[in-house]
Amino acid sequence: MAPVCTCGAAAQKCMRPGKVTRNGYFNFLREFRKTNCGLSAVETVRQGAKKWRSMSQKDKSKFIEMAKSAPKTPRRSRMRRMRGGSMRGRGRRIGRR
């Protein structure tokens, strides 16, 4: 699905907006990307950060509320990553006693 471009730039230049997160600033950047197509990723973040810092707390509250209502994603356990047969790092000594 192509992103909806509201600024009139070419469709190839528009970035995907991303999903709603539990971080208010990221939710703001999500909206900022929709209205500021045609900028590079770095320039989008620079200009977005500048605007975020200049916003009042009242303006930021919309994005903070979005973050509060975003679904919490479960964390993966560490044991899943350790699968693989290697005995290093598990506290066992192999060889001499």
C-alpha atoms as a PDB file:
ATOM      1  CA  MET A   1       0.000   0.000   0.000  1.00  0.00           C
ATOM      2  CA  ALA A   2       1.493   3.361  -1.025  1.00  0.00           C
ATOM      3  CA  PRO A   3       1.663   6.166   1.543  1.00  0.00           C
ATOM      4  CA  VAL A   4      -0.826   8.982   1.226  1.00  0.00           C
ATOM      5  CA  CYS A   5       1.007  12.093   0.096  1.00  0.00           C
ATOM      6  CA  THR A   6      -0.586  15.411   1.031  1.00  0.00           C
ATOM      7  CA  CYS A   7       2.232  17.681  -0.114  1.00  0.00           C
ATOM      8  CA  GLY A   8       2.172  16.928  -3.844  1.00  0.00           C
ATOM      9  CA  ALA A   9       5.657  15.369  -4.047  1.00  0.00           C
ATOM     10  CA  ALA A  10       6.343  12.314  -6.160  1.00  0.00           C
ATOM     11  CA  ALA A  11       5.081   9.073  -4.620  1.00  0.00           C
ATOM     12  CA  GLN A  12       8.590   7.598  -4.624  1.00  0.00           C
ATOM     13  CA  LYS A  13       9.848  10.350  -2.294  1.00  0.00           C
ATOM     14  CA  CYS A  14       7.224   9.822   0.409  1.00  0.00           C
ATOM     15  CA  MET A  15       8.204   7.698   3.386  1.00  0.00           C
ATOM     16  CA  ARG A  16       5.922   5.179   5.013  1.00  0.00           C
ATOM     17  CA  PRO A  17       4.430   6.779   8.108  1.00  0.00           C
ATOM     18  CA  GLY A  18       4.900   3.773  10.421  1.00  0.00           C
ATOM     19  CA  LYS A  19       2.650   2.519  13.189  1.00  0.00           C
ATOM     20  CA  VAL A  20       1.446   4.256  16.347  1.00  0.00           C
ATOM     21  CA  THR A  21       4.021   3.713  19.093  1.00  0.00           C
ATOM     22  CA  ARG A  22       4.230   4.224  22.835  1.00  0.00           C
ATOM     23  CA  ASN A  23       6.478   7.251  22.276  1.00  0.00           C
ATOM     24  CA  GLY A  24       4.789  10.623  21.745  1.00  0.00           C
ATOM     25  CA  TYR A  25       7.677  12.063  19.731  1.00  0.00           C
ATOM     26  CA  PHE A  26       7.634   9.152  17.290  1.00  0.00           C
ATOM     27  CA  ASN A  27       3.886   9.610  16.854  1.00  0.00           C
ATOM     28  CA  PHE A  28       4.502  13.276  16.063  1.00  0.00           C
ATOM     29  CA  LEU A  29       7.158  12.324  13.487  1.00  0.00           C
ATOM     30  CA  ARG A  30       4.648   9.938  11.956  1.00  0.00           C
ATOM     31  CA  GLU A  31       2.265  12.845  11.297  1.00  0.00           C
ATOM     32  CA  PHE A  32       5.138  15.149  10.293  1.00  0.00           C
ATOM     33  CA  ARG A  33       6.259  12.704   7.580  1.00  0.00           C
ATOM     34  CA  LYS A  34       2.773  12.701   6.067  1.00  0.00           C
ATOM     35  CA  THR A  35       2.790  16.469   5.590  1.00  0.00           C
ATOM     36  CA  ASN A  36       6.466  16.922   4.655  1.00  0.00           C
ATOM     37  CA  CYS A  37       7.114  14.552   1.787  1.00  0.00           C
ATOM     38  CA  GLY A  38      10.100  15.080  -0.445  1.00  0.00           C
ATOM     39  CA  LEU A  39      12.594  15.502   2.415  1.00  0.00           C
ATOM     40  CA  SER A  40      15.366  13.027   3.102  1.00  0.00           C
ATOM     41  CA  ALA A  41      15.062  10.884   6.231  1.00  0.00           C
ATOM     42  CA  VAL A  42      17.738  12.909   8.030  1.00  0.00           C
ATOM     43  CA  GLU A  43      16.184  16.230   7.071  1.00  0.00           C
ATOM     44  CA  THR A  44      12.735  15.011   8.128  1.00  0.00           C
ATOM     45  CA  VAL A  45      14.020  14.156  11.605  1.00  0.00           C
ATOM     46  CA  ARG A  46      15.971  17.415  11.920  1.00  0.00           C
ATOM     47  CA  GLN A  47      13.026  19.598  10.997  1.00  0.00           C
ATOM     48  CA  GLY A  48      10.611  17.457  12.994  1.00  0.00           C
ATOM     49  CA  ALA A  49      12.772  17.683  16.119  1.00  0.00           C
ATOM     50  CA  LYS A  50      13.036  21.441  15.747  1.00  0.00           C
ATOM     51  CA  LYS A  51       9.260  21.751  15.475  1.00  0.00           C
ATOM     52  CA  TRP A  52       8.682  19.329  18.409  1.00  0.00           C
ATOM     53  CA  ARG A  53      10.917  21.419  20.667  1.00  0.00           C
ATOM     54  CA  SER A  54       9.041  24.600  19.747  1.00  0.00           C
ATOM     55  CA  MET A  55       5.594  23.076  20.369  1.00  0.00           C
ATOM     56  CA  SER A  56       3.696  23.839  23.560  1.00  0.00           C
ATOM     57  CA  GLN A  57       2.821  21.067  25.988  1.00  0.00           C
ATOM     58  CA  LYS A  58      -0.814  21.446  24.938  1.00  0.00           C
ATOM     59  CA  ASP A  59       0.084  20.729  21.297  1.00  0.00           C
ATOM     60  CA  LYS A  60       2.232  17.747  22.305  1.00  0.00           C
ATOM     61  CA  SER A  61      -0.533  16.252  24.442  1.00  0.00           C
ATOM     62  CA  LYS A  62      -2.354  14.891  21.357  1.00  0.00           C
ATOM     63  CA  PHE A  63       0.634  12.704  20.495  1.00  0.00           C
ATOM     64  CA  ILE A  64       1.300  11.747  24.111  1.00  0.00           C
ATOM     65  CA  GLU A  65      -2.307  10.542  24.446  1.00  0.00           C
ATOM     66  CA  MET A  66      -1.866   8.497  21.268  1.00  0.00           C
ATOM     67  CA  ALA A  67       1.177   6.895  22.912  1.00  0.00           C
ATOM     68  CA  LYS A  68      -0.758   6.048  26.061  1.00  0.00           C
ATOM     69  CA  SER A  69      -3.453   4.272  24.074  1.00  0.00           C
ATOM     70  CA  ALA A  70      -1.021   2.387  21.794  1.00  0.00           C
ATOM     71  CA  PRO A  71      -0.843  -1.365  22.332  1.00  0.00           C
ATOM     72  CA  LYS A  72       2.032  -2.631  24.405  1.00  0.00           C
ATOM     73  CA  THR A  73       4.124  -5.150  22.500  1.00  0.00           C
ATOM     74  CA  PRO A  74       5.402  -8.108  24.514  1.00  0.00           C
ATOM     75  CA  ARG A  75       9.150  -8.479  24.873  1.00  0.00           C
ATOM     76  CA  ARG A  76      10.855 -11.600  23.623  1.00  0.00           C
ATOM     77  CA  SER A  77      12.611 -13.670  26.234  1.00  0.00           C
ATOM     78  CA  ARG A  78      16.393 -13.930  26.190  1.00  0.00           C
ATOM     79  CA  MET A  79      16.341 -17.703  26.163  1.00  0.00           C
ATOM     80  CA  ARG A  80      14.975 -17.711  22.616  1.00  0.00           C
ATOM     81  CA  ARG A  81      18.063 -15.923  21.379  1.00  0.00           C
ATOM     82  CA  MET A  82      20.439 -18.356  23.079  1.00  0.00           C
ATOM     83  CA  ARG A  83      19.286 -21.406  21.149  1.00  0.00           C
ATOM     84  CA  GLY A  84      21.961 -22.875  19.012  1.00  0.00           C
ATOM     85  CA  GLY A  85      23.925 -25.503  20.900  1.00  0.00           C
ATOM     86  CA  SER A  86      26.820 -23.371  22.076  1.00  0.00           C
ATOM     87  CA  MET A  87      27.701 -23.974  25.711  1.00  0.00           C
ATOM     88  CA  ARG A  88      29.558 -20.691  26.103  1.00  0.00           C
ATOM     89  CA  GLY A  89      28.048 -18.256  28.541  1.00  0.00           C
ATOM     90  CA  ARG A  90      25.815 -20.755  30.301  1.00  0.00           C
ATOM     91  CA  GLY A  91      27.984 -21.258  33.362  1.00  0.00           C
ATOM     92  CA  ARG A  92      29.138 -24.802  32.590  1.00  0.00           C
ATOM     93  CA  ARG A  93      32.724 -25.846  32.277  1.00  0.00           C
ATOM     94  CA  ILE A  94      33.660 -28.412  29.725  1.00  0.00           C
ATOM     95  CA  GLY A  95      36.802 -30.461  30.109  1.00  0.00           C
ATOM     96  CA  ARG A  96      38.773 -30.611  33.373  1.00  0.00           C
ATOM     97  CA  ARG A  97      37.120 -30.428  36.722  1.00  0.00           C
END
